[in-house]
Amino acid sequence: MGLLGLFRRPRHERTGFILYGAAVGMARAPEFYAQRGVPDTAAGRFELVALHTSLLIRRLRMAGDRTGDALAQAVFDAMFSDMDVNLREMGIGDLSVGKRVKMLWEGFHGRSQSYAEALDAGDAPALAEALSRNIWVKEPVPEGAADSLAQYAIRLDKVLADQTVEAMAKGEVRFV
């Protein structure tokens, strides 16, 4: 690798940020907080970002090719780069940021696995339970909220499955 190789960005880095930004934009939709009862807190917003991002990464990984895998990694990298910046903006000290990002990563991984297992099994109640366990940690779950969000996630998983990796490689993704 020559000297210029040190300054090159990973191939899909920009697209990863674009796709991740689309997931964040969807996670900020007021309907989740107003109609579905997701707590409008930092933790509630993280949970919705994690849900949308995990479904996007799931779709990209399901392509089973190098482009899909590289895009999935780029989205993941964008998410945790953003988490790092957000923690610093919230005033978390430099020495703690790495530990907190690691905790968020581990939590994200666990959530992604439980959501994927429920989706793969076609088990809406298990998905609702996983969402309930993660989103409404300190509050009672509003009646029907977890089931409604699970049905939304199932529909979104199908919407994403109908989109091509080629379109996503251009930064094009729909969440509705």
C-alpha atoms as a PDB file:
ATOM      1  CA  MET A   1       0.000   0.000   0.000  1.00  0.00           C
ATOM      2  CA  GLY A   2       1.369   3.353  -0.976  1.00  0.00           C
ATOM      3  CA  LEU A   3       1.167   6.548   1.003  1.00  0.00           C
ATOM      4  CA  LEU A   4      -2.153   7.497  -0.606  1.00  0.00           C
ATOM      5  CA  GLY A   5      -3.625   4.221   0.660  1.00  0.00           C
ATOM      6  CA  LEU A   6      -3.370   5.583   4.185  1.00  0.00           C
ATOM      7  CA  PHE A   7      -5.853   8.333   3.339  1.00  0.00           C
ATOM      8  CA  ARG A   8      -8.406   6.246   1.463  1.00  0.00           C
ATOM      9  CA  ARG A   9     -11.804   5.759   2.967  1.00  0.00           C
ATOM     10  CA  PRO A  10     -13.362   2.295   2.990  1.00  0.00           C
ATOM     11  CA  ARG A  11     -15.291   1.748  -0.235  1.00  0.00           C
ATOM     12  CA  HIS A  12     -18.795   1.742   1.247  1.00  0.00           C
ATOM     13  CA  GLU A  13     -18.237   4.153   4.136  1.00  0.00           C
ATOM     14  CA  ARG A  14     -20.263   7.031   2.685  1.00  0.00           C
ATOM     15  CA  THR A  15     -23.093   4.740   1.608  1.00  0.00           C
ATOM     16  CA  GLY A  16     -23.100   3.175   5.074  1.00  0.00           C
ATOM     17  CA  PHE A  17     -23.678   6.603   6.602  1.00  0.00           C
ATOM     18  CA  ILE A  18     -26.431   7.386   4.082  1.00  0.00           C
ATOM     19  CA  LEU A  19     -28.252   4.112   4.791  1.00  0.00           C
ATOM     20  CA  TYR A  20     -27.790   4.488   8.533  1.00  0.00           C
ATOM     21  CA  GLY A  21     -29.085   8.066   8.298  1.00  0.00           C
ATOM     22  CA  ALA A  22     -32.220   6.779   6.586  1.00  0.00           C
ATOM     23  CA  ALA A  23     -32.739   4.273   9.419  1.00  0.00           C
ATOM     24  CA  VAL A  24     -32.305   7.024  12.020  1.00  0.00           C
ATOM     25  CA  GLY A  25     -34.719   9.258  10.137  1.00  0.00           C
ATOM     26  CA  MET A  26     -37.363   6.555  10.188  1.00  0.00           C
ATOM     27  CA  ALA A  27     -36.719   5.810  13.873  1.00  0.00           C
ATOM     28  CA  ARG A  28     -37.455   9.451  14.672  1.00  0.00           C
ATOM     29  CA  ALA A  29     -40.959   9.314  13.186  1.00  0.00           C
ATOM     30  CA  PRO A  30     -43.349  10.799  15.775  1.00  0.00           C
ATOM     31  CA  GLU A  31     -45.838   7.931  15.342  1.00  0.00           C
ATOM     32  CA  PHE A  32     -43.607   5.573  17.333  1.00  0.00           C
ATOM     33  CA  TYR A  33     -43.722   7.833  20.352  1.00  0.00           C
ATOM     34  CA  ALA A  34     -47.248   9.237  20.012  1.00  0.00           C
ATOM     35  CA  GLN A  35     -49.218   6.215  18.771  1.00  0.00           C
ATOM     36  CA  ARG A  36     -47.092   3.213  19.729  1.00  0.00           C
ATOM     37  CA  GLY A  37     -46.049   4.428  23.165  1.00  0.00           C
ATOM     38  CA  VAL A  38     -42.281   4.134  22.754  1.00  0.00           C
ATOM     39  CA  PRO A  39     -40.715   6.269  25.500  1.00  0.00           C
ATOM     40  CA  ASP A  40     -39.407   9.526  24.027  1.00  0.00           C
ATOM     41  CA  THR A  41     -36.114   9.219  25.882  1.00  0.00           C
ATOM     42  CA  ALA A  42     -32.527   8.632  24.817  1.00  0.00           C
ATOM     43  CA  ALA A  43     -33.020   4.943  25.583  1.00  0.00           C
ATOM     44  CA  GLY A  44     -36.309   4.745  23.645  1.00  0.00           C
ATOM     45  CA  ARG A  45     -34.786   6.486  20.646  1.00  0.00           C
ATOM     46  CA  PHE A  46     -31.761   4.161  20.766  1.00  0.00           C
ATOM     47  CA  GLU A  47     -34.099   1.155  20.735  1.00  0.00           C
ATOM     48  CA  LEU A  48     -35.852   2.358  17.595  1.00  0.00           C
ATOM     49  CA  VAL A  49     -32.561   3.164  15.878  1.00  0.00           C
ATOM     50  CA  ALA A  50     -31.338  -0.311  16.860  1.00  0.00           C
ATOM     51  CA  LEU A  51     -34.508  -1.940  15.496  1.00  0.00           C
ATOM     52  CA  HIS A  52     -34.368  -0.166  12.137  1.00  0.00           C
ATOM     53  CA  THR A  53     -30.623  -0.583  11.769  1.00  0.00           C
ATOM     54  CA  SER A  54     -30.704  -4.271  12.713  1.00  0.00           C
ATOM     55  CA  LEU A  55     -33.422  -4.934  10.131  1.00  0.00           C
ATOM     56  CA  LEU A  56     -31.405  -3.073   7.491  1.00  0.00           C
ATOM     57  CA  ILE A  57     -28.225  -4.993   8.324  1.00  0.00           C
ATOM     58  CA  ARG A  58     -30.220  -8.243   8.331  1.00  0.00           C
ATOM     59  CA  ARG A  59     -31.420  -7.502   4.795  1.00  0.00           C
ATOM     60  CA  LEU A  60     -27.942  -6.696   3.574  1.00  0.00           C
ATOM     61  CA  ARG A  61     -26.461  -9.851   5.131  1.00  0.00           C
ATOM     62  CA  MET A  62     -29.221 -12.002   3.635  1.00  0.00           C
ATOM     63  CA  ALA A  63     -27.927 -11.123   0.184  1.00  0.00           C
ATOM     64  CA  GLY A  64     -25.139 -13.587   0.875  1.00  0.00           C
ATOM     65  CA  ASP A  65     -22.594 -11.725  -1.211  1.00  0.00           C
ATOM     66  CA  ARG A  66     -19.572  -9.531  -0.641  1.00  0.00           C
ATOM     67  CA  THR A  67     -21.369  -6.302  -1.491  1.00  0.00           C
ATOM     68  CA  GLY A  68     -24.188  -6.974   0.960  1.00  0.00           C
ATOM     69  CA  ASP A  69     -21.734  -7.961   3.677  1.00  0.00           C
ATOM     70  CA  ALA A  70     -19.563  -4.890   3.049  1.00  0.00           C
ATOM     71  CA  LEU A  71     -22.594  -2.587   3.131  1.00  0.00           C
ATOM     72  CA  ALA A  72     -23.861  -4.243   6.315  1.00  0.00           C
ATOM     73  CA  GLN A  73     -20.479  -3.636   7.943  1.00  0.00           C
ATOM     74  CA  ALA A  74     -20.472  -0.036   6.711  1.00  0.00           C
ATOM     75  CA  VAL A  75     -23.929   0.566   8.244  1.00  0.00           C
ATOM     76  CA  PHE A  76     -22.797  -1.013  11.513  1.00  0.00           C
ATOM     77  CA  ASP A  77     -19.631   1.115  11.524  1.00  0.00           C
ATOM     78  CA  ALA A  78     -21.669   4.254  10.816  1.00  0.00           C
ATOM     79  CA  MET A  79     -24.031   3.469  13.682  1.00  0.00           C
ATOM     80  CA  PHE A  80     -21.290   3.042  16.239  1.00  0.00           C
ATOM     81  CA  SER A  81     -19.325   6.009  14.964  1.00  0.00           C
ATOM     82  CA  ASP A  82     -22.508   8.015  15.518  1.00  0.00           C
ATOM     83  CA  MET A  83     -22.964   6.497  18.988  1.00  0.00           C
ATOM     84  CA  ASP A  84     -19.412   7.547  19.868  1.00  0.00           C
ATOM     85  CA  VAL A  85     -20.081  11.126  18.753  1.00  0.00           C
ATOM     86  CA  ASN A  86     -23.425  11.248  20.581  1.00  0.00           C
ATOM     87  CA  LEU A  87     -21.927  10.002  23.831  1.00  0.00           C
ATOM     88  CA  ARG A  88     -19.219  12.649  23.633  1.00  0.00           C
ATOM     89  CA  GLU A  89     -21.832  15.344  22.920  1.00  0.00           C
ATOM     90  CA  MET A  90     -23.785  14.156  25.971  1.00  0.00           C
ATOM     91  CA  GLY A  91     -20.697  14.894  28.054  1.00  0.00           C
ATOM     92  CA  ILE A  92     -19.460  11.361  28.643  1.00  0.00           C
ATOM     93  CA  GLY A  93     -15.744  11.513  29.441  1.00  0.00           C
ATOM     94  CA  ASP A  94     -13.212  10.301  26.901  1.00  0.00           C
ATOM     95  CA  LEU A  95     -12.088   7.455  29.125  1.00  0.00           C
ATOM     96  CA  SER A  96     -15.641   6.096  29.443  1.00  0.00           C
ATOM     97  CA  VAL A  97     -16.767   6.410  25.826  1.00  0.00           C
ATOM     98  CA  GLY A  98     -15.052   3.238  24.601  1.00  0.00           C
ATOM     99  CA  LYS A  99     -16.594   1.154  27.387  1.00  0.00           C
ATOM    100  CA  ARG A 100     -20.052   2.590  26.758  1.00  0.00           C
ATOM    101  CA  VAL A 101     -19.811   2.052  22.999  1.00  0.00           C
ATOM    102  CA  LYS A 102     -18.793  -1.549  23.684  1.00  0.00           C
ATOM    103  CA  MET A 103     -21.830  -1.992  25.941  1.00  0.00           C
ATOM    104  CA  LEU A 104     -24.081  -0.513  23.242  1.00  0.00           C
ATOM    105  CA  TRP A 105     -22.514  -2.806  20.641  1.00  0.00           C
ATOM    106  CA  GLU A 106     -23.098  -5.875  22.799  1.00  0.00           C
ATOM    107  CA  GLY A 107     -26.681  -4.793  23.450  1.00  0.00           C
ATOM    108  CA  PHE A 108     -27.263  -4.153  19.770  1.00  0.00           C
ATOM    109  CA  HIS A 109     -25.889  -7.564  18.871  1.00  0.00           C
ATOM    110  CA  GLY A 110     -28.160  -9.298  21.378  1.00  0.00           C
ATOM    111  CA  ARG A 111     -31.199  -7.377  20.183  1.00  0.00           C
ATOM    112  CA  SER A 112     -30.408  -8.104  16.549  1.00  0.00           C
ATOM    113  CA  GLN A 113     -30.106 -11.817  17.295  1.00  0.00           C
ATOM    114  CA  SER A 114     -33.366 -12.034  19.222  1.00  0.00           C
ATOM    115  CA  TYR A 115     -35.238 -10.052  16.557  1.00  0.00           C
ATOM    116  CA  ALA A 116     -33.763 -12.182  13.760  1.00  0.00           C
ATOM    117  CA  GLU A 117     -34.601 -15.446  15.530  1.00  0.00           C
ATOM    118  CA  ALA A 118     -38.218 -14.379  15.986  1.00  0.00           C
ATOM    119  CA  LEU A 119     -38.471 -13.161  12.389  1.00  0.00           C
ATOM    120  CA  ASP A 120     -36.888 -16.350  11.024  1.00  0.00           C
ATOM    121  CA  ALA A 121     -39.350 -18.447  13.031  1.00  0.00           C
ATOM    122  CA  GLY A 122     -42.307 -16.291  11.998  1.00  0.00           C
ATOM    123  CA  ASP A 123     -42.991 -15.878  15.717  1.00  0.00           C
ATOM    124  CA  ALA A 124     -44.714 -12.503  16.189  1.00  0.00           C
ATOM    125  CA  PRO A 125     -45.337 -13.074  19.931  1.00  0.00           C
ATOM    126  CA  ALA A 126     -41.621 -13.775  20.508  1.00  0.00           C
ATOM    127  CA  LEU A 127     -40.738 -10.617  18.576  1.00  0.00           C
ATOM    128  CA  ALA A 128     -43.254  -8.606  20.626  1.00  0.00           C
ATOM    129  CA  GLU A 129     -41.733 -10.053  23.821  1.00  0.00           C
ATOM    130  CA  ALA A 130     -38.202  -9.128  22.724  1.00  0.00           C
ATOM    131  CA  LEU A 131     -39.296  -5.612  21.795  1.00  0.00           C
ATOM    132  CA  SER A 132     -41.174  -5.262  25.067  1.00  0.00           C
ATOM    133  CA  ARG A 133     -38.186  -6.431  27.088  1.00  0.00           C
ATOM    134  CA  ASN A 134     -35.864  -3.935  25.365  1.00  0.00           C
ATOM    135  CA  ILE A 135     -38.036  -0.863  24.875  1.00  0.00           C
ATOM    136  CA  TRP A 136     -40.205  -0.675  27.974  1.00  0.00           C
ATOM    137  CA  VAL A 137     -37.596  -1.444  30.612  1.00  0.00           C
ATOM    138  CA  LYS A 138     -38.719   1.003  33.289  1.00  0.00           C
ATOM    139  CA  GLU A 139     -42.331   1.599  32.258  1.00  0.00           C
ATOM    140  CA  PRO A 140     -45.359  -0.597  31.801  1.00  0.00           C
ATOM    141  CA  VAL A 141     -45.938  -1.566  28.180  1.00  0.00           C
ATOM    142  CA  PRO A 142     -48.913   0.359  26.789  1.00  0.00           C
ATOM    143  CA  GLU A 143     -51.689  -2.034  25.802  1.00  0.00           C
ATOM    144  CA  GLY A 144     -51.059  -3.452  22.344  1.00  0.00           C
ATOM    145  CA  ALA A 145     -47.875  -1.415  21.815  1.00  0.00           C
ATOM    146  CA  ALA A 146     -45.439  -4.345  21.648  1.00  0.00           C
ATOM    147  CA  ASP A 147     -47.718  -6.311  19.314  1.00  0.00           C
ATOM    148  CA  SER A 148     -48.177  -3.263  17.080  1.00  0.00           C
ATOM    149  CA  LEU A 149     -44.438  -2.665  16.920  1.00  0.00           C
ATOM    150  CA  ALA A 150     -43.796  -6.359  16.210  1.00  0.00           C
ATOM    151  CA  GLN A 151     -46.263  -6.271  13.303  1.00  0.00           C
ATOM    152  CA  TYR A 152     -44.547  -3.132  12.026  1.00  0.00           C
ATOM    153  CA  ALA A 153     -41.130  -4.840  12.216  1.00  0.00           C
ATOM    154  CA  ILE A 154     -42.455  -7.886  10.349  1.00  0.00           C
ATOM    155  CA  ARG A 155     -43.827  -5.640   7.582  1.00  0.00           C
ATOM    156  CA  LEU A 156     -40.588  -3.644   7.468  1.00  0.00           C
ATOM    157  CA  ASP A 157     -38.543  -6.834   7.188  1.00  0.00           C
ATOM    158  CA  LYS A 158     -40.592  -7.712   4.081  1.00  0.00           C
ATOM    159  CA  VAL A 159     -40.317  -4.201   2.637  1.00  0.00           C
ATOM    160  CA  LEU A 160     -36.542  -4.350   2.992  1.00  0.00           C
ATOM    161  CA  ALA A 161     -36.392  -7.884   1.534  1.00  0.00           C
ATOM    162  CA  ASP A 162     -38.084  -6.588  -1.627  1.00  0.00           C
ATOM    163  CA  GLN A 163     -35.315  -4.053  -2.224  1.00  0.00           C
ATOM    164  CA  THR A 164     -32.132  -4.860  -4.066  1.00  0.00           C
ATOM    165  CA  VAL A 165     -28.634  -4.617  -2.690  1.00  0.00           C
ATOM    166  CA  GLU A 166     -27.721  -2.802  -5.896  1.00  0.00           C
ATOM    167  CA  ALA A 167     -30.147   0.007  -5.015  1.00  0.00           C
ATOM    168  CA  MET A 168     -28.869   0.067  -1.435  1.00  0.00           C
ATOM    169  CA  ALA A 169     -25.288   0.271  -2.735  1.00  0.00           C
ATOM    170  CA  LYS A 170     -26.383   3.562  -4.305  1.00  0.00           C
ATOM    171  CA  GLY A 171     -27.719   4.732  -0.940  1.00  0.00           C
ATOM    172  CA  GLU A 172     -31.344   4.073  -1.841  1.00  0.00           C
ATOM    173  CA  VAL A 173     -33.527   2.437   0.804  1.00  0.00           C
ATOM    174  CA  ARG A 174     -37.208   2.647   1.710  1.00  0.00           C
ATOM    175  CA  PHE A 175     -38.593   1.953   5.168  1.00  0.00           C
ATOM    176  CA  VAL A 176     -42.251   2.152   4.111  1.00  0.00           C
END
